[in-house]
Structures are given as structure tokens and as C-alpha cells.
Amino acid sequence: MIVEFSSPNIAKPFHAGHLRSTIIGGFLANLYEKAGWDVTRMNYLGDWGKQYGILAIGFDKFGNEEELVKNPIAHLYDVYVKISAIVKPEQDKIKEYRTKIREMTVRVMKPFFDHKHNKSRLTRLFFPGQR
């Protein structure tokens, strides 16, 4: 049996949420092992594609080779925070548009799913000529 736990985002600092997952995963692995299972413990470091893309773009804009050599983790974290701050307003705007689109879709589609007239309206819409 494989017990996968923690899976920290390696482009960001380790935090309490990762520690909780690690403790639970370790407990479950120990429990299964004591029950006779052959247990393999695994930390899958997988969620990194987007973060490294962000870091690459951020490093082009804010990176400094000397700072990277002196303190790589802190410098990359600073770069990540700076580039993320630039991207955040765009993400907020996209979220706002998604909300507006969802509200508009509900408003436009509501008459077709009005329970009192549902069958007749949907029938006319999808099967013209049938009643």
C-alpha cells in the first residue's frame, strides 16, 4: 500500500496545513504497517508547474543572480510574492466576470426552467411543432 501525504507546493514555504497532512499520513502509514500491510510512504511533490512558470516570469522581471546565490529560498519567495501581486488584480477581474456571467446565465435560462411552465417551454424550445 502507498500512503501519500503532505504534497507541499515546493514553490511556496512549508506551512501548518502541510504539517497536519504529514502527521495524519504518518499515522495512517504506521497503522497499516502494524496491521500487517507492506506500506510505502510517499510525498508527491507535484503541484509545481504553474508556480515555476510564475517564478520564471517573475525572475525575468525581479530576479537577481547575486541574491539568488546568497539566499535562494528567500529571494525566490520575494520574486514570487512580487509577481503574484501584479497578477492578482487580473485574477480578481476574471473572477468578477465569471460571477457576472453566471448571474446572467441564470437570469436568461430561468424562464426555461420555471417549474410551472417547464414542460411546455422546454418542449417548444427543443421540439418545435410538438405540444
N, C-alpha and C. Protein backbone atom coordinates (compact mmCIF):
# COMPACT_ATOMS: atom_id res chain seq x y z
N MET A 1 0.84 -1.17 0.00
CA MET A 1 0.00 0.00 0.00
C MET A 1 0.89 1.23 0.00
N ILE A 2 0.47 2.22 -0.77
CA ILE A 2 1.18 3.50 -0.79
C ILE A 2 0.34 4.52 -0.02
N VAL A 3 0.97 5.19 0.92
CA VAL A 3 0.33 6.28 1.64
C VAL A 3 1.03 7.56 1.20
N GLU A 4 0.29 8.40 0.49
CA GLU A 4 0.83 9.67 0.02
C GLU A 4 0.35 10.76 0.94
N PHE A 5 1.26 11.59 1.40
CA PHE A 5 0.85 12.66 2.29
C PHE A 5 1.72 13.89 2.08
N SER A 6 1.24 14.97 2.62
CA SER A 6 1.88 16.28 2.59
C SER A 6 1.72 16.96 1.25
N SER A 7 2.37 16.49 0.21
CA SER A 7 2.32 17.11 -1.11
C SER A 7 2.46 18.62 -1.05
N PRO A 8 3.51 19.12 -0.41
CA PRO A 8 3.64 20.57 -0.34
C PRO A 8 3.89 21.17 -1.71
N ASN A 9 3.45 22.39 -1.86
CA ASN A 9 3.75 23.16 -3.06
C ASN A 9 5.18 23.64 -2.90
N ILE A 10 6.09 23.07 -3.65
CA ILE A 10 7.51 23.36 -3.41
C ILE A 10 7.94 24.73 -3.89
N ALA A 11 7.03 25.48 -4.49
CA ALA A 11 7.35 26.85 -4.87
C ALA A 11 6.94 27.84 -3.78
N LYS A 12 6.37 27.32 -2.69
CA LYS A 12 5.93 28.18 -1.59
C LYS A 12 6.47 27.59 -0.28
N PRO A 13 6.51 28.41 0.77
CA PRO A 13 7.01 27.91 2.05
C PRO A 13 6.11 26.82 2.65
N PHE A 14 6.73 25.91 3.35
CA PHE A 14 6.01 24.86 4.06
C PHE A 14 5.20 25.53 5.17
N HIS A 15 3.96 25.09 5.40
CA HIS A 15 3.13 25.70 6.43
C HIS A 15 2.38 24.64 7.24
N ALA A 16 1.60 25.07 8.21
CA ALA A 16 0.93 24.16 9.15
C ALA A 16 0.00 23.18 8.45
N GLY A 17 -0.63 23.59 7.36
CA GLY A 17 -1.51 22.67 6.62
C GLY A 17 -0.75 21.47 6.09
N HIS A 18 0.47 21.69 5.64
CA HIS A 18 1.29 20.57 5.18
C HIS A 18 1.68 19.67 6.36
N LEU A 19 1.99 20.29 7.49
CA LEU A 19 2.38 19.53 8.67
C LEU A 19 1.23 18.63 9.14
N ARG A 20 0.03 19.16 9.13
CA ARG A 20 -1.15 18.37 9.53
C ARG A 20 -1.29 17.15 8.65
N SER A 21 -1.20 17.36 7.34
CA SER A 21 -1.31 16.25 6.39
C SER A 21 -0.19 15.23 6.60
N THR A 22 1.00 15.71 6.90
CA THR A 22 2.14 14.82 7.13
C THR A 22 1.91 13.97 8.38
N ILE A 23 1.40 14.58 9.43
CA ILE A 23 1.14 13.85 10.68
C ILE A 23 0.06 12.78 10.45
N ILE A 24 -1.02 13.16 9.79
CA ILE A 24 -2.10 12.20 9.50
C ILE A 24 -1.59 11.07 8.61
N GLY A 25 -0.83 11.43 7.57
CA GLY A 25 -0.28 10.41 6.67
C GLY A 25 0.66 9.47 7.39
N GLY A 26 1.52 10.02 8.25
CA GLY A 26 2.43 9.18 9.04
C GLY A 26 1.67 8.25 9.96
N PHE A 27 0.62 8.76 10.59
CA PHE A 27 -0.21 7.94 11.48
C PHE A 27 -0.86 6.79 10.72
N LEU A 28 -1.46 7.11 9.57
CA LEU A 28 -2.11 6.06 8.78
C LEU A 28 -1.10 5.02 8.29
N ALA A 29 0.06 5.48 7.86
CA ALA A 29 1.10 4.55 7.40
C ALA A 29 1.51 3.61 8.53
N ASN A 30 1.71 4.17 9.74
CA ASN A 30 2.06 3.34 10.90
C ASN A 30 0.95 2.34 11.23
N LEU A 31 -0.29 2.81 11.18
CA LEU A 31 -1.44 1.97 11.48
C LEU A 31 -1.52 0.78 10.53
N TYR A 32 -1.41 1.05 9.22
CA TYR A 32 -1.46 -0.02 8.23
C TYR A 32 -0.27 -0.97 8.37
N GLU A 33 0.89 -0.41 8.69
CA GLU A 33 2.08 -1.25 8.86
C GLU A 33 1.89 -2.21 10.04
N LYS A 34 1.36 -1.71 11.15
CA LYS A 34 1.11 -2.55 12.33
C LYS A 34 0.05 -3.60 12.04
N ALA A 35 -0.86 -3.30 11.09
CA ALA A 35 -1.91 -4.26 10.72
C ALA A 35 -1.38 -5.30 9.73
N GLY A 36 -0.09 -5.20 9.38
CA GLY A 36 0.50 -6.22 8.52
C GLY A 36 0.66 -5.84 7.06
N TRP A 37 0.30 -4.65 6.69
CA TRP A 37 0.44 -4.22 5.30
C TRP A 37 1.89 -3.86 5.00
N ASP A 38 2.29 -4.03 3.76
CA ASP A 38 3.58 -3.54 3.28
C ASP A 38 3.34 -2.10 2.82
N VAL A 39 3.83 -1.14 3.58
CA VAL A 39 3.49 0.26 3.35
C VAL A 39 4.68 1.02 2.76
N THR A 40 4.40 1.78 1.73
CA THR A 40 5.38 2.71 1.17
C THR A 40 4.88 4.11 1.43
N ARG A 41 5.71 4.91 2.09
CA ARG A 41 5.36 6.31 2.39
C ARG A 41 5.87 7.17 1.24
N MET A 42 5.03 8.12 0.81
CA MET A 42 5.43 8.94 -0.33
C MET A 42 4.96 10.38 -0.15
N ASN A 43 5.84 11.31 -0.40
CA ASN A 43 5.49 12.72 -0.54
C ASN A 43 5.59 13.04 -2.01
N TYR A 44 4.46 13.27 -2.63
CA TYR A 44 4.45 13.59 -4.05
C TYR A 44 4.59 15.10 -4.21
N LEU A 45 5.69 15.53 -4.77
CA LEU A 45 5.92 16.96 -4.97
C LEU A 45 5.46 17.32 -6.38
N GLY A 46 4.16 17.41 -6.56
CA GLY A 46 3.64 17.52 -7.90
C GLY A 46 3.09 18.87 -8.32
N ASP A 47 2.52 19.63 -7.43
CA ASP A 47 1.83 20.85 -7.81
C ASP A 47 2.84 21.98 -7.98
N TRP A 48 3.57 21.94 -9.09
CA TRP A 48 4.62 22.92 -9.25
C TRP A 48 4.67 23.60 -10.61
N GLY A 49 3.97 23.12 -11.58
CA GLY A 49 4.07 23.67 -12.93
C GLY A 49 3.74 25.15 -13.01
N LYS A 50 2.57 25.52 -12.53
CA LYS A 50 2.14 26.92 -12.60
C LYS A 50 3.08 27.80 -11.78
N GLN A 51 3.45 27.34 -10.58
CA GLN A 51 4.29 28.15 -9.71
C GLN A 51 5.66 28.40 -10.33
N TYR A 52 6.21 27.38 -11.00
CA TYR A 52 7.51 27.60 -11.63
C TYR A 52 7.39 28.51 -12.85
N GLY A 53 6.29 28.45 -13.54
CA GLY A 53 6.06 29.40 -14.63
C GLY A 53 5.99 30.82 -14.09
N ILE A 54 5.27 30.99 -12.98
CA ILE A 54 5.18 32.31 -12.35
C ILE A 54 6.56 32.77 -11.90
N LEU A 55 7.32 31.84 -11.28
CA LEU A 55 8.69 32.20 -10.84
C LEU A 55 9.58 32.58 -12.02
N ALA A 56 9.45 31.86 -13.12
CA ALA A 56 10.29 32.16 -14.29
C ALA A 56 10.01 33.56 -14.81
N ILE A 57 8.73 33.89 -14.94
CA ILE A 57 8.37 35.24 -15.40
C ILE A 57 8.79 36.28 -14.37
N GLY A 58 8.54 35.97 -13.10
CA GLY A 58 8.92 36.89 -12.03
C GLY A 58 10.42 37.10 -11.95
N PHE A 59 11.19 36.03 -12.17
CA PHE A 59 12.64 36.16 -12.09
C PHE A 59 13.16 37.03 -13.23
N ASP A 60 12.54 36.91 -14.40
CA ASP A 60 12.94 37.79 -15.51
C ASP A 60 12.73 39.26 -15.15
N LYS A 61 11.69 39.54 -14.38
CA LYS A 61 11.35 40.92 -14.04
C LYS A 61 12.06 41.41 -12.77
N PHE A 62 12.12 40.56 -11.73
CA PHE A 62 12.60 40.98 -10.41
C PHE A 62 13.83 40.22 -9.91
N GLY A 63 14.24 39.20 -10.63
CA GLY A 63 15.31 38.35 -10.14
C GLY A 63 16.68 39.00 -10.15
N ASN A 64 17.54 38.49 -9.26
CA ASN A 64 18.90 38.99 -9.14
C ASN A 64 19.79 37.79 -8.84
N GLU A 65 20.74 37.53 -9.73
CA GLU A 65 21.61 36.36 -9.60
C GLU A 65 22.38 36.37 -8.28
N GLU A 66 22.87 37.54 -7.86
CA GLU A 66 23.64 37.62 -6.61
C GLU A 66 22.76 37.26 -5.40
N GLU A 67 21.54 37.80 -5.38
CA GLU A 67 20.61 37.48 -4.29
C GLU A 67 20.24 36.00 -4.30
N LEU A 68 20.11 35.45 -5.49
CA LEU A 68 19.78 34.04 -5.62
C LEU A 68 20.88 33.16 -5.02
N VAL A 69 22.12 33.53 -5.24
CA VAL A 69 23.25 32.77 -4.69
C VAL A 69 23.32 32.93 -3.17
N LYS A 70 23.08 34.16 -2.67
CA LYS A 70 23.17 34.44 -1.22
C LYS A 70 22.09 33.71 -0.42
N ASN A 71 20.83 33.81 -0.90
CA ASN A 71 19.71 33.24 -0.14
C ASN A 71 18.62 32.81 -1.13
N PRO A 72 18.79 31.65 -1.75
CA PRO A 72 17.90 31.29 -2.85
C PRO A 72 16.42 31.18 -2.48
N ILE A 73 16.11 30.56 -1.37
CA ILE A 73 14.69 30.37 -0.99
C ILE A 73 14.02 31.71 -0.73
N ALA A 74 14.66 32.55 0.07
CA ALA A 74 14.07 33.86 0.39
C ALA A 74 13.93 34.72 -0.86
N HIS A 75 14.95 34.70 -1.72
CA HIS A 75 14.88 35.54 -2.92
C HIS A 75 13.77 35.05 -3.86
N LEU A 76 13.69 33.75 -4.08
CA LEU A 76 12.64 33.23 -4.96
C LEU A 76 11.26 33.49 -4.37
N TYR A 77 11.13 33.40 -3.06
CA TYR A 77 9.86 33.71 -2.41
C TYR A 77 9.49 35.18 -2.65
N ASP A 78 10.46 36.09 -2.47
CA ASP A 78 10.21 37.51 -2.71
C ASP A 78 9.78 37.76 -4.16
N VAL A 79 10.46 37.11 -5.09
CA VAL A 79 10.12 37.24 -6.50
C VAL A 79 8.69 36.75 -6.74
N TYR A 80 8.35 35.61 -6.15
CA TYR A 80 7.02 35.02 -6.31
C TYR A 80 5.95 35.97 -5.77
N VAL A 81 6.20 36.55 -4.60
CA VAL A 81 5.24 37.47 -3.99
C VAL A 81 5.05 38.71 -4.87
N LYS A 82 6.14 39.25 -5.39
CA LYS A 82 6.07 40.45 -6.22
C LYS A 82 5.29 40.20 -7.51
N ILE A 83 5.60 39.11 -8.21
CA ILE A 83 4.92 38.85 -9.48
C ILE A 83 3.46 38.47 -9.23
N SER A 84 3.19 37.79 -8.13
CA SER A 84 1.81 37.43 -7.80
C SER A 84 0.97 38.67 -7.51
N ALA A 85 1.59 39.68 -6.90
CA ALA A 85 0.87 40.92 -6.61
C ALA A 85 0.47 41.64 -7.91
N ILE A 86 1.28 41.49 -8.94
CA ILE A 86 0.96 42.09 -10.24
C ILE A 86 -0.20 41.34 -10.90
N VAL A 87 -0.21 40.03 -10.76
CA VAL A 87 -1.22 39.18 -11.41
C VAL A 87 -2.57 39.23 -10.69
N LYS A 88 -2.56 39.48 -9.38
CA LYS A 88 -3.79 39.40 -8.58
C LYS A 88 -4.94 40.26 -9.10
N PRO A 89 -4.72 41.53 -9.47
CA PRO A 89 -5.84 42.32 -9.99
C PRO A 89 -6.50 41.70 -11.23
N GLU A 90 -5.68 41.10 -12.09
CA GLU A 90 -6.24 40.43 -13.27
C GLU A 90 -7.08 39.22 -12.85
N GLN A 91 -6.58 38.46 -11.88
CA GLN A 91 -7.34 37.30 -11.40
C GLN A 91 -8.65 37.74 -10.77
N ASP A 92 -8.61 38.86 -10.01
CA ASP A 92 -9.84 39.38 -9.40
C ASP A 92 -10.85 39.80 -10.46
N LYS A 93 -10.36 40.42 -11.54
CA LYS A 93 -11.24 40.86 -12.62
C LYS A 93 -11.88 39.66 -13.31
N ILE A 94 -11.08 38.61 -13.54
CA ILE A 94 -11.61 37.38 -14.16
C ILE A 94 -12.68 36.76 -13.26
N LYS A 95 -12.42 36.73 -11.96
CA LYS A 95 -13.39 36.18 -11.01
C LYS A 95 -14.69 36.99 -11.05
N GLU A 96 -14.55 38.31 -11.12
CA GLU A 96 -15.73 39.19 -11.19
C GLU A 96 -16.54 38.91 -12.47
N TYR A 97 -15.85 38.76 -13.60
CA TYR A 97 -16.55 38.47 -14.86
C TYR A 97 -17.23 37.10 -14.81
N ARG A 98 -16.59 36.12 -14.21
CA ARG A 98 -17.22 34.79 -14.08
C ARG A 98 -18.50 34.88 -13.27
N THR A 99 -18.48 35.66 -12.20
CA THR A 99 -19.68 35.85 -11.39
C THR A 99 -20.78 36.51 -12.21
N LYS A 100 -20.44 37.55 -12.97
CA LYS A 100 -21.43 38.24 -13.81
C LYS A 100 -22.00 37.30 -14.88
N ILE A 101 -21.13 36.49 -15.47
CA ILE A 101 -21.58 35.54 -16.50
C ILE A 101 -22.53 34.52 -15.88
N ARG A 102 -22.20 34.02 -14.70
CA ARG A 102 -23.05 33.05 -14.01
C ARG A 102 -24.42 33.66 -13.70
N GLU A 103 -24.42 34.90 -13.20
CA GLU A 103 -25.68 35.58 -12.87
C GLU A 103 -26.53 35.80 -14.13
N MET A 104 -25.88 36.21 -15.22
CA MET A 104 -26.59 36.45 -16.47
C MET A 104 -27.16 35.14 -17.02
N THR A 105 -26.40 34.08 -16.94
CA THR A 105 -26.87 32.78 -17.42
C THR A 105 -28.10 32.33 -16.65
N VAL A 106 -28.07 32.50 -15.34
CA VAL A 106 -29.23 32.12 -14.52
C VAL A 106 -30.44 32.96 -14.91
N ARG A 107 -30.23 34.27 -15.09
CA ARG A 107 -31.34 35.15 -15.43
C ARG A 107 -31.93 34.80 -16.81
N VAL A 108 -31.08 34.50 -17.77
CA VAL A 108 -31.55 34.18 -19.12
C VAL A 108 -32.22 32.81 -19.15
N MET A 109 -31.68 31.84 -18.43
CA MET A 109 -32.19 30.47 -18.50
C MET A 109 -33.36 30.20 -17.55
N LYS A 110 -33.53 31.06 -16.54
CA LYS A 110 -34.58 30.82 -15.54
C LYS A 110 -35.96 30.57 -16.14
N PRO A 111 -36.40 31.36 -17.13
CA PRO A 111 -37.74 31.09 -17.68
C PRO A 111 -37.88 29.69 -18.27
N PHE A 112 -36.82 29.13 -18.78
CA PHE A 112 -36.90 27.80 -19.36
C PHE A 112 -36.96 26.71 -18.30
N PHE A 113 -36.58 27.05 -17.09
CA PHE A 113 -36.59 26.06 -16.02
C PHE A 113 -37.56 26.42 -14.91
N ASP A 114 -38.50 27.31 -15.23
CA ASP A 114 -39.57 27.65 -14.30
C ASP A 114 -40.47 26.42 -14.18
N HIS A 115 -40.60 25.90 -12.99
CA HIS A 115 -41.31 24.63 -12.80
C HIS A 115 -42.78 24.66 -13.22
N LYS A 116 -43.43 25.82 -13.15
CA LYS A 116 -44.83 25.89 -13.52
C LYS A 116 -45.03 25.68 -15.02
N HIS A 117 -44.11 26.20 -15.81
CA HIS A 117 -44.26 26.15 -17.26
C HIS A 117 -43.14 25.36 -17.93
N ASN A 118 -42.39 24.63 -17.14
CA ASN A 118 -41.18 23.97 -17.62
C ASN A 118 -41.42 23.12 -18.86
N LYS A 119 -42.37 22.19 -18.79
CA LYS A 119 -42.53 21.24 -19.89
C LYS A 119 -42.91 21.93 -21.19
N SER A 120 -43.86 22.84 -21.13
CA SER A 120 -44.30 23.46 -22.38
C SER A 120 -43.21 24.34 -22.99
N ARG A 121 -42.52 25.11 -22.20
CA ARG A 121 -41.46 25.97 -22.74
C ARG A 121 -40.30 25.15 -23.28
N LEU A 122 -39.86 24.16 -22.52
CA LEU A 122 -38.75 23.32 -22.99
C LEU A 122 -39.14 22.52 -24.21
N THR A 123 -40.38 22.03 -24.23
CA THR A 123 -40.84 21.27 -25.40
C THR A 123 -40.85 22.15 -26.64
N ARG A 124 -41.38 23.37 -26.52
CA ARG A 124 -41.39 24.29 -27.67
C ARG A 124 -39.98 24.64 -28.11
N LEU A 125 -39.07 24.80 -27.14
CA LEU A 125 -37.69 25.18 -27.47
C LEU A 125 -36.96 24.06 -28.20
N PHE A 126 -37.05 22.85 -27.66
CA PHE A 126 -36.25 21.76 -28.19
C PHE A 126 -36.97 20.89 -29.24
N PHE A 127 -38.30 20.91 -29.21
CA PHE A 127 -39.08 20.09 -30.15
C PHE A 127 -40.17 20.95 -30.79
N PRO A 128 -39.77 21.88 -31.66
CA PRO A 128 -40.78 22.75 -32.28
C PRO A 128 -41.83 21.89 -33.02
N GLY A 129 -43.07 22.32 -32.95
CA GLY A 129 -44.13 21.59 -33.63
C GLY A 129 -44.80 20.56 -32.75
N GLN A 130 -44.21 20.19 -31.61
CA GLN A 130 -44.82 19.23 -30.69
C GLN A 130 -45.39 19.97 -29.49
N ARG A 131 -46.45 19.44 -28.94
CA ARG A 131 -47.08 20.05 -27.76
C ARG A 131 -46.96 19.15 -26.58
